[in-house]
N, C-alpha and C. Protein backbone atom coordinates (compact mmCIF):
# COMPACT_ATOMS: atom_id res chain seq x y z
N MET A 1 80.53 70.41 107.26
CA MET A 1 81.89 70.45 106.76
C MET A 1 81.97 69.71 105.44
N LEU A 2 82.86 70.16 104.58
CA LEU A 2 83.09 69.45 103.35
C LEU A 2 83.77 68.13 103.67
N ASP A 3 83.56 67.15 102.83
CA ASP A 3 84.08 65.81 103.09
C ASP A 3 85.56 65.75 102.74
N GLN A 4 86.39 66.35 103.57
CA GLN A 4 87.82 66.36 103.28
C GLN A 4 88.60 66.57 104.57
N ASN A 5 89.50 65.66 104.85
CA ASN A 5 90.37 65.78 106.01
C ASN A 5 91.80 65.54 105.57
N PHE A 6 92.71 66.23 106.19
CA PHE A 6 94.13 66.09 105.90
C PHE A 6 94.86 66.18 107.22
N SER A 7 95.93 65.42 107.36
CA SER A 7 96.74 65.54 108.57
C SER A 7 98.21 65.55 108.20
N PHE A 8 98.98 66.23 109.04
CA PHE A 8 100.40 66.45 108.79
C PHE A 8 101.15 66.26 110.10
N PRO A 9 102.19 65.40 110.11
CA PRO A 9 102.95 65.20 111.35
C PRO A 9 103.97 66.32 111.58
N VAL A 10 104.09 66.72 112.83
CA VAL A 10 105.06 67.75 113.22
C VAL A 10 105.74 67.30 114.51
N ARG A 11 107.05 67.28 114.51
CA ARG A 11 107.83 66.96 115.71
C ARG A 11 108.13 68.25 116.45
N VAL A 12 108.02 68.25 117.76
CA VAL A 12 108.35 69.42 118.57
C VAL A 12 109.86 69.43 118.81
N TYR A 13 110.49 70.50 118.35
CA TYR A 13 111.93 70.69 118.54
C TYR A 13 112.18 71.70 119.66
N TYR A 14 113.41 71.72 120.11
CA TYR A 14 113.81 72.63 121.18
C TYR A 14 113.42 74.08 120.85
N GLN A 15 113.62 74.47 119.59
CA GLN A 15 113.32 75.85 119.18
C GLN A 15 111.85 76.21 119.30
N ASP A 16 110.98 75.21 119.40
CA ASP A 16 109.54 75.44 119.51
C ASP A 16 109.08 75.69 120.94
N THR A 17 109.97 75.46 121.89
CA THR A 17 109.56 75.49 123.30
C THR A 17 110.04 76.75 124.03
N ASP A 18 109.42 76.99 125.17
CA ASP A 18 109.83 78.11 126.02
C ASP A 18 110.81 77.59 127.07
N ALA A 19 111.14 78.41 128.03
CA ALA A 19 112.12 78.04 129.05
C ALA A 19 111.68 76.84 129.89
N GLY A 20 110.38 76.56 129.92
CA GLY A 20 109.87 75.42 130.68
C GLY A 20 109.77 74.14 129.88
N GLY A 21 110.20 74.19 128.59
CA GLY A 21 110.15 72.99 127.75
C GLY A 21 108.78 72.73 127.14
N VAL A 22 107.89 73.71 127.23
CA VAL A 22 106.54 73.61 126.69
C VAL A 22 106.47 74.41 125.39
N VAL A 23 105.71 73.91 124.41
CA VAL A 23 105.58 74.64 123.15
C VAL A 23 105.01 76.03 123.42
N TYR A 24 105.70 77.05 122.91
CA TYR A 24 105.27 78.44 123.05
C TYR A 24 103.99 78.63 122.25
N HIS A 25 103.03 79.36 122.80
CA HIS A 25 101.68 79.43 122.24
C HIS A 25 101.62 79.82 120.76
N SER A 26 102.44 80.76 120.32
CA SER A 26 102.37 81.20 118.92
C SER A 26 102.92 80.15 117.95
N ASN A 27 103.72 79.22 118.44
CA ASN A 27 104.27 78.19 117.56
C ASN A 27 103.20 77.23 117.05
N TYR A 28 102.09 77.10 117.78
CA TYR A 28 101.00 76.27 117.28
C TYR A 28 100.46 76.85 115.97
N LEU A 29 100.47 78.17 115.84
CA LEU A 29 100.02 78.81 114.60
C LEU A 29 100.96 78.44 113.45
N ASN A 30 102.26 78.37 113.73
CA ASN A 30 103.23 77.94 112.71
C ASN A 30 102.96 76.51 112.28
N PHE A 31 102.68 75.64 113.24
CA PHE A 31 102.37 74.24 112.91
C PHE A 31 101.14 74.15 112.02
N MET A 32 100.13 74.96 112.33
CA MET A 32 98.90 74.94 111.53
C MET A 32 99.14 75.48 110.13
N GLU A 33 99.96 76.51 110.02
CA GLU A 33 100.26 77.05 108.69
C GLU A 33 101.00 76.02 107.85
N ARG A 34 101.96 75.31 108.44
CA ARG A 34 102.66 74.25 107.70
C ARG A 34 101.68 73.21 107.19
N ALA A 35 100.74 72.83 108.03
CA ALA A 35 99.75 71.83 107.62
C ALA A 35 98.88 72.35 106.47
N ARG A 36 98.49 73.63 106.51
CA ARG A 36 97.69 74.19 105.41
C ARG A 36 98.48 74.21 104.11
N TYR A 37 99.77 74.56 104.17
CA TYR A 37 100.61 74.55 102.97
C TYR A 37 100.71 73.13 102.41
N GLU A 38 100.93 72.17 103.28
CA GLU A 38 101.05 70.78 102.82
C GLU A 38 99.72 70.24 102.30
N TRP A 39 98.61 70.70 102.88
CA TRP A 39 97.28 70.34 102.39
C TRP A 39 97.11 70.84 100.96
N LEU A 40 97.47 72.11 100.72
CA LEU A 40 97.39 72.64 99.35
C LEU A 40 98.28 71.84 98.41
N ARG A 41 99.47 71.48 98.86
CA ARG A 41 100.39 70.68 98.05
C ARG A 41 99.76 69.32 97.73
N GLU A 42 99.11 68.72 98.71
CA GLU A 42 98.43 67.43 98.51
C GLU A 42 97.31 67.56 97.48
N LEU A 43 96.66 68.73 97.44
CA LEU A 43 95.62 68.98 96.44
C LEU A 43 96.20 69.24 95.05
N GLY A 44 97.52 69.41 94.98
CA GLY A 44 98.17 69.66 93.70
C GLY A 44 98.48 71.12 93.43
N PHE A 45 98.47 71.94 94.48
CA PHE A 45 98.71 73.37 94.32
C PHE A 45 99.88 73.81 95.19
N ASN A 46 100.85 74.43 94.55
CA ASN A 46 102.01 74.97 95.23
C ASN A 46 101.73 76.45 95.50
N VAL A 47 101.95 76.91 96.71
CA VAL A 47 101.65 78.29 97.08
C VAL A 47 102.39 79.29 96.19
N LYS A 48 103.64 79.01 95.91
CA LYS A 48 104.43 79.91 95.06
C LYS A 48 103.84 79.97 93.65
N LEU A 49 103.45 78.82 93.11
CA LEU A 49 102.88 78.80 91.76
C LEU A 49 101.48 79.42 91.72
N LEU A 50 100.72 79.29 92.81
CA LEU A 50 99.42 79.98 92.86
C LEU A 50 99.61 81.48 92.70
N ALA A 51 100.65 82.01 93.33
CA ALA A 51 100.94 83.44 93.22
C ALA A 51 101.42 83.78 91.81
N GLU A 52 102.29 82.96 91.25
CA GLU A 52 102.86 83.25 89.93
C GLU A 52 101.87 83.04 88.79
N ILE A 53 101.09 81.95 88.85
CA ILE A 53 100.20 81.60 87.74
C ILE A 53 98.82 82.24 87.89
N HIS A 54 98.25 82.17 89.09
CA HIS A 54 96.89 82.67 89.31
C HIS A 54 96.86 84.06 89.94
N ASN A 55 98.03 84.60 90.29
CA ASN A 55 98.13 85.93 90.91
C ASN A 55 97.30 86.05 92.19
N VAL A 56 97.35 84.99 93.01
CA VAL A 56 96.62 85.01 94.28
C VAL A 56 97.54 84.66 95.43
N LEU A 57 97.19 85.21 96.57
CA LEU A 57 97.83 84.89 97.85
C LEU A 57 96.71 84.56 98.82
N PHE A 58 97.06 83.89 99.91
CA PHE A 58 96.09 83.63 100.96
C PHE A 58 96.54 84.36 102.21
N MET A 59 95.60 85.08 102.81
CA MET A 59 95.89 85.82 104.03
C MET A 59 94.89 85.41 105.10
N ILE A 60 95.33 85.44 106.34
CA ILE A 60 94.44 85.11 107.45
C ILE A 60 93.59 86.34 107.75
N ARG A 61 92.29 86.15 107.72
CA ARG A 61 91.35 87.23 108.06
C ARG A 61 91.09 87.24 109.55
N SER A 62 90.87 86.03 110.10
CA SER A 62 90.64 85.92 111.54
C SER A 62 90.86 84.47 111.95
N LEU A 63 91.04 84.30 113.25
CA LEU A 63 91.12 82.94 113.77
C LEU A 63 90.66 82.93 115.22
N GLU A 64 90.13 81.79 115.58
CA GLU A 64 89.72 81.56 116.97
C GLU A 64 90.42 80.29 117.40
N ILE A 65 91.13 80.37 118.51
CA ILE A 65 91.95 79.23 118.93
C ILE A 65 91.68 78.89 120.39
N GLN A 66 91.69 77.60 120.69
CA GLN A 66 91.54 77.11 122.06
C GLN A 66 92.73 76.22 122.38
N TYR A 67 93.39 76.55 123.46
CA TYR A 67 94.51 75.75 123.96
C TYR A 67 93.96 74.84 125.05
N VAL A 68 94.07 73.54 124.86
CA VAL A 68 93.50 72.57 125.79
C VAL A 68 94.58 71.97 126.68
N LYS A 69 95.64 71.47 126.06
CA LYS A 69 96.76 70.85 126.79
C LYS A 69 98.05 71.24 126.10
N PRO A 70 99.15 71.29 126.82
CA PRO A 70 100.42 71.68 126.20
C PRO A 70 101.13 70.50 125.51
N ALA A 71 101.89 70.84 124.49
CA ALA A 71 102.83 69.90 123.88
C ALA A 71 104.21 70.20 124.45
N VAL A 72 105.06 69.20 124.48
CA VAL A 72 106.39 69.37 125.05
C VAL A 72 107.45 68.85 124.07
N LEU A 73 108.69 69.16 124.39
CA LEU A 73 109.83 68.77 123.58
C LEU A 73 109.75 67.31 123.16
N ASP A 74 109.97 67.05 121.88
CA ASP A 74 110.04 65.74 121.25
C ASP A 74 108.69 65.07 121.01
N ASP A 75 107.58 65.72 121.38
CA ASP A 75 106.27 65.16 121.05
C ASP A 75 106.11 65.08 119.54
N LEU A 76 105.44 64.03 119.09
CA LEU A 76 105.06 63.93 117.68
C LEU A 76 103.60 64.33 117.59
N LEU A 77 103.35 65.44 116.91
CA LEU A 77 102.01 65.98 116.81
C LEU A 77 101.39 65.63 115.46
N ASN A 78 100.09 65.62 115.43
CA ASN A 78 99.34 65.42 114.20
C ASN A 78 98.48 66.67 114.03
N VAL A 79 98.70 67.42 112.94
CA VAL A 79 97.98 68.67 112.70
C VAL A 79 96.98 68.42 111.57
N THR A 80 95.70 68.63 111.85
CA THR A 80 94.67 68.33 110.86
C THR A 80 94.18 69.60 110.16
N VAL A 81 93.62 69.39 108.98
CA VAL A 81 93.01 70.46 108.19
C VAL A 81 91.68 69.92 107.68
N THR A 82 90.60 70.62 108.01
CA THR A 82 89.27 70.26 107.52
C THR A 82 88.58 71.52 107.04
N VAL A 83 88.14 71.52 105.79
CA VAL A 83 87.44 72.67 105.25
C VAL A 83 86.01 72.65 105.77
N LYS A 84 85.62 73.72 106.44
CA LYS A 84 84.26 73.85 106.96
C LYS A 84 83.34 74.48 105.94
N GLU A 85 83.85 75.49 105.25
CA GLU A 85 83.02 76.26 104.33
C GLU A 85 83.91 76.94 103.30
N ILE A 86 83.40 77.07 102.09
CA ILE A 86 84.13 77.81 101.06
C ILE A 86 83.18 78.82 100.44
N GLY A 87 83.63 80.07 100.40
CA GLY A 87 82.85 81.14 99.79
C GLY A 87 83.51 81.60 98.51
N ARG A 88 83.12 82.76 98.03
CA ARG A 88 83.69 83.28 96.78
C ARG A 88 85.20 83.52 96.92
N SER A 89 85.58 84.19 98.02
CA SER A 89 86.99 84.53 98.20
C SER A 89 87.56 84.03 99.53
N ARG A 90 86.76 83.28 100.29
CA ARG A 90 87.24 82.87 101.61
C ARG A 90 87.03 81.37 101.83
N ILE A 91 87.83 80.86 102.75
CA ILE A 91 87.73 79.47 103.16
C ILE A 91 87.77 79.45 104.68
N ALA A 92 86.81 78.78 105.30
CA ALA A 92 86.83 78.56 106.75
C ALA A 92 87.40 77.17 106.97
N ILE A 93 88.46 77.10 107.74
CA ILE A 93 89.19 75.85 107.97
C ILE A 93 89.21 75.55 109.47
N PHE A 94 88.86 74.31 109.81
CA PHE A 94 88.96 73.86 111.19
C PHE A 94 90.24 73.05 111.30
N GLN A 95 91.05 73.35 112.32
CA GLN A 95 92.31 72.64 112.53
C GLN A 95 92.41 72.17 113.97
N GLU A 96 93.00 71.00 114.13
CA GLU A 96 93.30 70.48 115.46
C GLU A 96 94.75 70.03 115.49
N ILE A 97 95.32 70.13 116.67
CA ILE A 97 96.65 69.57 116.91
C ILE A 97 96.48 68.52 117.98
N LEU A 98 96.88 67.30 117.63
CA LEU A 98 96.72 66.14 118.51
C LEU A 98 98.08 65.55 118.84
N CYS A 99 98.16 64.92 119.98
CA CYS A 99 99.34 64.14 120.36
C CYS A 99 98.82 62.82 120.90
N ALA A 100 99.17 61.73 120.25
CA ALA A 100 98.69 60.41 120.64
C ALA A 100 97.15 60.40 120.74
N GLN A 101 96.50 60.99 119.75
CA GLN A 101 95.04 61.06 119.66
C GLN A 101 94.37 61.96 120.71
N VAL A 102 95.17 62.68 121.49
CA VAL A 102 94.63 63.60 122.50
C VAL A 102 94.66 65.01 121.92
N LYS A 103 93.52 65.71 121.96
CA LYS A 103 93.45 67.07 121.43
C LYS A 103 94.20 68.03 122.34
N LEU A 104 95.14 68.77 121.73
CA LEU A 104 95.89 69.79 122.46
C LEU A 104 95.39 71.19 122.13
N VAL A 105 95.11 71.42 120.85
CA VAL A 105 94.72 72.74 120.38
C VAL A 105 93.69 72.56 119.27
N SER A 106 92.72 73.48 119.22
CA SER A 106 91.80 73.51 118.08
C SER A 106 91.61 74.96 117.66
N ALA A 107 91.36 75.15 116.37
CA ALA A 107 91.20 76.51 115.86
C ALA A 107 90.32 76.52 114.62
N THR A 108 89.61 77.60 114.46
CA THR A 108 88.93 77.88 113.20
C THR A 108 89.65 79.06 112.57
N VAL A 109 90.13 78.85 111.36
CA VAL A 109 90.93 79.85 110.66
C VAL A 109 90.15 80.30 109.42
N HIS A 110 89.97 81.60 109.28
CA HIS A 110 89.30 82.16 108.12
C HIS A 110 90.37 82.74 107.20
N VAL A 111 90.50 82.12 106.03
CA VAL A 111 91.51 82.49 105.05
C VAL A 111 90.83 83.22 103.90
N VAL A 112 91.45 84.29 103.42
CA VAL A 112 90.90 85.06 102.30
C VAL A 112 91.89 85.02 101.14
N CYS A 113 91.35 84.82 99.95
CA CYS A 113 92.13 84.85 98.72
C CYS A 113 92.21 86.30 98.26
N VAL A 114 93.43 86.80 98.07
CA VAL A 114 93.62 88.19 97.63
C VAL A 114 94.50 88.22 96.38
N GLY A 115 94.36 89.30 95.61
CA GLY A 115 95.21 89.49 94.44
C GLY A 115 96.62 89.87 94.85
N THR A 116 97.60 89.38 94.12
CA THR A 116 99.00 89.66 94.47
C THR A 116 99.35 91.14 94.35
N GLU A 117 98.69 91.85 93.46
CA GLU A 117 99.02 93.27 93.25
C GLU A 117 98.22 94.19 94.16
N THR A 118 96.95 93.88 94.36
CA THR A 118 96.08 94.79 95.11
C THR A 118 95.95 94.42 96.59
N LEU A 119 96.19 93.14 96.90
CA LEU A 119 95.97 92.58 98.24
C LEU A 119 94.52 92.76 98.69
N LYS A 120 93.61 92.83 97.71
CA LYS A 120 92.18 92.91 97.98
C LYS A 120 91.54 91.57 97.63
N PRO A 121 90.45 91.22 98.31
CA PRO A 121 89.81 89.93 98.06
C PRO A 121 89.43 89.73 96.59
N ILE A 122 89.72 88.52 96.08
CA ILE A 122 89.32 88.11 94.74
C ILE A 122 88.81 86.68 94.83
N SER A 123 88.18 86.23 93.78
CA SER A 123 87.64 84.87 93.76
C SER A 123 88.75 83.83 93.84
N ILE A 124 88.46 82.77 94.55
CA ILE A 124 89.37 81.63 94.61
C ILE A 124 89.45 81.05 93.20
N PRO A 125 90.65 80.78 92.68
CA PRO A 125 90.75 80.22 91.33
C PRO A 125 89.90 78.95 91.19
N MET A 126 89.18 78.84 90.07
CA MET A 126 88.27 77.72 89.86
C MET A 126 88.94 76.35 89.98
N PRO A 127 90.15 76.14 89.45
CA PRO A 127 90.76 74.82 89.62
C PRO A 127 90.95 74.44 91.10
N LEU A 128 91.33 75.41 91.92
CA LEU A 128 91.50 75.14 93.34
C LEU A 128 90.14 74.92 94.01
N ARG A 129 89.16 75.73 93.68
CA ARG A 129 87.82 75.58 94.24
C ARG A 129 87.27 74.18 93.94
N GLU A 130 87.42 73.75 92.71
CA GLU A 130 86.92 72.42 92.32
C GLU A 130 87.65 71.32 93.08
N ARG A 131 88.95 71.47 93.24
CA ARG A 131 89.74 70.45 93.95
C ARG A 131 89.39 70.39 95.43
N ILE A 132 89.13 71.54 96.04
CA ILE A 132 88.75 71.58 97.46
C ILE A 132 87.44 70.84 97.66
N ARG A 133 86.52 70.98 96.73
CA ARG A 133 85.20 70.36 96.85
C ARG A 133 85.23 68.84 96.67
N LYS A 134 86.29 68.30 96.09
CA LYS A 134 86.40 66.85 95.89
C LYS A 134 87.23 66.26 97.01
N PRO A 135 86.84 65.10 97.53
CA PRO A 135 87.68 64.46 98.55
C PRO A 135 89.04 64.10 97.99
N VAL A 136 90.06 64.19 98.84
CA VAL A 136 91.43 63.85 98.44
C VAL A 136 91.55 62.37 98.28
């Protein structure tokens, strides 16, 4: 893995839970996406400006997720982002969701950089690539 870790706190709200008060499974994906956006922001890149200036978007190519334990209403979660690998147009990211240092969910997310007009894979912009390779 590249030497870079990022974490983002997320509080579980009522809207995140199902009828049993447990976080609905797809909402963990929302938590992970928020953390990835904030990770990019921490690196100095705004998703909207990446699209406007560099003409790139990021799309999920695939993901593998493991649900270990449930989160419940009012839990304070810690969502991590760790870059495992960076290719020409893709980034493999490992993410975990923890509550009080206990792992609840882990996932490997494969993100692809695509052109805003074609939606086909293109090279990750060099300024972003260089920033990803440097520790925050």
